[in-house]
Amino acid sequence: MLQSPIRQRLANRRPSATIEVWWTSGAGSYAFSVSVGYDVATGQVLEVFYADGMKEGTDLRHVAQDACVLISLALQHGVSLDTLGKSLASDANGTPASLVGAIVAMLVPMAWHKS
């Protein structure tokens, strides 16, 4: 049986920023907010949580919440934002094809690295 990498333990208190995410699909355009926790020393994005913007109880809100959980777990198990972004579907113009891809695309510019 394969063992998964150990999950990175996060500090109890860490800085965060709330950002707006836009995603357009065949059904319309959607705007919502996510809160991003990061390491102040390295700029590494550590986690993302759904914050606001979609009607309570809708399927799309649940998908956004679950996407944030899955992105956070991947990051805490050592998967980089670049790897996530390159692994997700995009259209012919390179635009994220899913809500998950839209969230990751917004996080990539936030991941600055101090030398």
C-alpha atoms as a PDB file:
ATOM      1  CA  MET A   1       0.000   0.000   0.000  1.00  0.00           C
ATOM      2  CA  LEU A   2       1.331   3.433  -0.933  1.00  0.00           C
ATOM      3  CA  GLN A   3       1.652   6.012   1.797  1.00  0.00           C
ATOM      4  CA  SER A   4       0.756   9.601   1.062  1.00  0.00           C
ATOM      5  CA  PRO A   5       3.184  12.414   1.835  1.00  0.00           C
ATOM      6  CA  ILE A   6       2.795  13.902   5.285  1.00  0.00           C
ATOM      7  CA  ARG A   7       0.451  16.863   5.381  1.00  0.00           C
ATOM      8  CA  GLN A   8       2.161  20.174   6.195  1.00  0.00           C
ATOM      9  CA  ARG A   9       1.147  21.383   9.662  1.00  0.00           C
ATOM     10  CA  LEU A  10       0.009  24.999   9.504  1.00  0.00           C
ATOM     11  CA  ALA A  11       0.552  27.588  12.208  1.00  0.00           C
ATOM     12  CA  ASN A  12      -2.490  28.305  14.361  1.00  0.00           C
ATOM     13  CA  ARG A  13      -2.359  31.954  13.305  1.00  0.00           C
ATOM     14  CA  ARG A  14      -1.347  32.992   9.816  1.00  0.00           C
ATOM     15  CA  PRO A  15      -2.013  35.964   7.577  1.00  0.00           C
ATOM     16  CA  SER A  16      -4.709  35.823   4.949  1.00  0.00           C
ATOM     17  CA  ALA A  17      -6.112  37.920   2.150  1.00  0.00           C
ATOM     18  CA  THR A  18      -9.526  37.833   0.515  1.00  0.00           C
ATOM     19  CA  ILE A  19      -9.578  37.958  -3.277  1.00  0.00           C
ATOM     20  CA  GLU A  20     -12.284  37.969  -5.918  1.00  0.00           C
ATOM     21  CA  VAL A  21     -12.480  35.128  -8.427  1.00  0.00           C
ATOM     22  CA  TRP A  22     -14.272  35.379 -11.777  1.00  0.00           C
ATOM     23  CA  TRP A  23     -15.298  32.330 -13.789  1.00  0.00           C
ATOM     24  CA  THR A  24     -17.216  32.261 -17.045  1.00  0.00           C
ATOM     25  CA  SER A  25     -18.930  29.153 -18.347  1.00  0.00           C
ATOM     26  CA  GLY A  26     -21.551  28.465 -21.003  1.00  0.00           C
ATOM     27  CA  ALA A  27     -24.174  29.142 -18.345  1.00  0.00           C
ATOM     28  CA  GLY A  28     -22.903  32.620 -17.441  1.00  0.00           C
ATOM     29  CA  SER A  29     -20.296  34.554 -15.492  1.00  0.00           C
ATOM     30  CA  TYR A  30     -19.800  34.159 -11.773  1.00  0.00           C
ATOM     31  CA  ALA A  31     -17.958  36.269  -9.214  1.00  0.00           C
ATOM     32  CA  PHE A  32     -17.189  35.108  -5.704  1.00  0.00           C
ATOM     33  CA  SER A  33     -14.574  35.634  -3.000  1.00  0.00           C
ATOM     34  CA  VAL A  34     -12.051  33.273  -1.439  1.00  0.00           C
ATOM     35  CA  SER A  35      -9.774  33.813   1.546  1.00  0.00           C
ATOM     36  CA  VAL A  36      -6.182  32.750   1.069  1.00  0.00           C
ATOM     37  CA  GLY A  37      -3.871  31.810   3.941  1.00  0.00           C
ATOM     38  CA  TYR A  38      -0.169  32.157   3.249  1.00  0.00           C
ATOM     39  CA  ASP A  39       3.240  31.921   4.866  1.00  0.00           C
ATOM     40  CA  VAL A  40       4.474  35.473   5.510  1.00  0.00           C
ATOM     41  CA  ALA A  41       8.144  34.412   5.347  1.00  0.00           C
ATOM     42  CA  THR A  42       7.969  32.689   1.957  1.00  0.00           C
ATOM     43  CA  GLY A  43       4.780  33.988   0.363  1.00  0.00           C
ATOM     44  CA  GLN A  44       3.696  30.397  -0.211  1.00  0.00           C
ATOM     45  CA  VAL A  45      -0.068  29.919  -0.473  1.00  0.00           C
ATOM     46  CA  LEU A  46      -1.022  27.370   2.190  1.00  0.00           C
ATOM     47  CA  GLU A  47      -4.807  27.186   2.027  1.00  0.00           C
ATOM     48  CA  VAL A  48      -7.902  28.659   0.442  1.00  0.00           C
ATOM     49  CA  PHE A  49     -11.455  28.948   1.772  1.00  0.00           C
ATOM     50  CA  TYR A  50     -14.681  29.964   0.086  1.00  0.00           C
ATOM     51  CA  ALA A  51     -15.645  33.370   1.514  1.00  0.00           C
ATOM     52  CA  ASP A  52     -18.759  34.801  -0.128  1.00  0.00           C
ATOM     53  CA  GLY A  53     -20.631  35.662  -3.287  1.00  0.00           C
ATOM     54  CA  MET A  54     -22.862  32.740  -4.202  1.00  0.00           C
ATOM     55  CA  LYS A  55     -26.385  32.073  -3.068  1.00  0.00           C
ATOM     56  CA  GLU A  56     -26.612  29.869   0.037  1.00  0.00           C
ATOM     57  CA  GLY A  57     -27.485  26.246  -0.727  1.00  0.00           C
ATOM     58  CA  THR A  58     -26.756  26.311  -4.461  1.00  0.00           C
ATOM     59  CA  ASP A  59     -24.859  23.531  -6.186  1.00  0.00           C
ATOM     60  CA  LEU A  60     -22.265  25.985  -7.482  1.00  0.00           C
ATOM     61  CA  ARG A  61     -21.563  27.294  -3.982  1.00  0.00           C
ATOM     62  CA  HIS A  62     -21.027  23.729  -2.762  1.00  0.00           C
ATOM     63  CA  VAL A  63     -18.680  23.062  -5.677  1.00  0.00           C
ATOM     64  CA  ALA A  64     -16.699  26.226  -4.826  1.00  0.00           C
ATOM     65  CA  GLN A  65     -16.463  25.223  -1.156  1.00  0.00           C
ATOM     66  CA  ASP A  66     -15.333  21.697  -2.035  1.00  0.00           C
ATOM     67  CA  ALA A  67     -12.849  23.008  -4.618  1.00  0.00           C
ATOM     68  CA  CYS A  68     -11.226  25.160  -1.941  1.00  0.00           C
ATOM     69  CA  VAL A  69     -10.911  22.175   0.399  1.00  0.00           C
ATOM     70  CA  LEU A  70      -9.321  20.021  -2.313  1.00  0.00           C
ATOM     71  CA  ILE A  71      -6.911  22.780  -3.388  1.00  0.00           C
ATOM     72  CA  SER A  72      -5.892  23.314   0.257  1.00  0.00           C
ATOM     73  CA  LEU A  73      -5.293  19.600   0.819  1.00  0.00           C
ATOM     74  CA  ALA A  74      -3.201  19.355  -2.362  1.00  0.00           C
ATOM     75  CA  LEU A  75      -1.085  22.365  -1.314  1.00  0.00           C
ATOM     76  CA  GLN A  76      -0.574  20.961   2.189  1.00  0.00           C
ATOM     77  CA  HIS A  77       0.563  17.646   0.695  1.00  0.00           C
ATOM     78  CA  GLY A  78       3.236  19.343  -1.414  1.00  0.00           C
ATOM     79  CA  VAL A  79       1.501  19.882  -4.758  1.00  0.00           C
ATOM     80  CA  SER A  80       2.502  23.273  -6.182  1.00  0.00           C
ATOM     81  CA  LEU A  81       0.057  25.784  -7.633  1.00  0.00           C
ATOM     82  CA  ASP A  82       1.936  25.538 -10.946  1.00  0.00           C
ATOM     83  CA  THR A  83       1.411  21.768 -11.042  1.00  0.00           C
ATOM     84  CA  LEU A  84      -2.264  22.154 -10.164  1.00  0.00           C
ATOM     85  CA  GLY A  85      -2.756  24.825 -12.820  1.00  0.00           C
ATOM     86  CA  LYS A  86      -1.038  22.821 -15.545  1.00  0.00           C
ATOM     87  CA  SER A  87      -3.069  19.722 -14.647  1.00  0.00           C
ATOM     88  CA  LEU A  88      -6.509  21.349 -14.952  1.00  0.00           C
ATOM     89  CA  ALA A  89      -8.525  21.799 -18.141  1.00  0.00           C
ATOM     90  CA  SER A  90      -8.502  25.050 -20.089  1.00  0.00           C
ATOM     91  CA  ASP A  91     -10.168  26.233 -23.263  1.00  0.00           C
ATOM     92  CA  ALA A  92      -8.411  27.025 -26.553  1.00  0.00           C
ATOM     93  CA  ASN A  93      -7.476  30.502 -25.244  1.00  0.00           C
ATOM     94  CA  GLY A  94      -5.883  29.093 -22.074  1.00  0.00           C
ATOM     95  CA  THR A  95      -8.772  30.276 -19.888  1.00  0.00           C
ATOM     96  CA  PRO A  96      -9.657  27.894 -17.036  1.00  0.00           C
ATOM     97  CA  ALA A  97     -12.482  25.579 -18.092  1.00  0.00           C
ATOM     98  CA  SER A  98     -13.783  25.039 -14.571  1.00  0.00           C
ATOM     99  CA  LEU A  99     -14.426  26.849 -11.345  1.00  0.00           C
ATOM    100  CA  VAL A 100     -11.522  24.910  -9.805  1.00  0.00           C
ATOM    101  CA  GLY A 101      -9.174  26.158 -12.506  1.00  0.00           C
ATOM    102  CA  ALA A 102     -10.398  29.732 -12.021  1.00  0.00           C
ATOM    103  CA  ILE A 103      -9.550  29.589  -8.305  1.00  0.00           C
ATOM    104  CA  VAL A 104      -6.071  28.156  -8.952  1.00  0.00           C
ATOM    105  CA  ALA A 105      -5.421  30.747 -11.683  1.00  0.00           C
ATOM    106  CA  MET A 106      -6.169  33.542  -9.201  1.00  0.00           C
ATOM    107  CA  LEU A 107      -3.838  32.016  -6.601  1.00  0.00           C
ATOM    108  CA  VAL A 108      -0.770  31.670  -8.842  1.00  0.00           C
ATOM    109  CA  PRO A 109       0.036  35.424  -8.887  1.00  0.00           C
ATOM    110  CA  MET A 110      -0.276  35.501  -5.076  1.00  0.00           C
ATOM    111  CA  ALA A 111       2.482  32.923  -4.628  1.00  0.00           C
ATOM    112  CA  TRP A 112       5.502  35.153  -4.499  1.00  0.00           C
ATOM    113  CA  HIS A 113       8.761  33.766  -3.218  1.00  0.00           C
ATOM    114  CA  LYS A 114      11.359  35.645  -1.224  1.00  0.00           C
ATOM    115  CA  SER A 115      14.946  34.834  -2.056  1.00  0.00           C
END
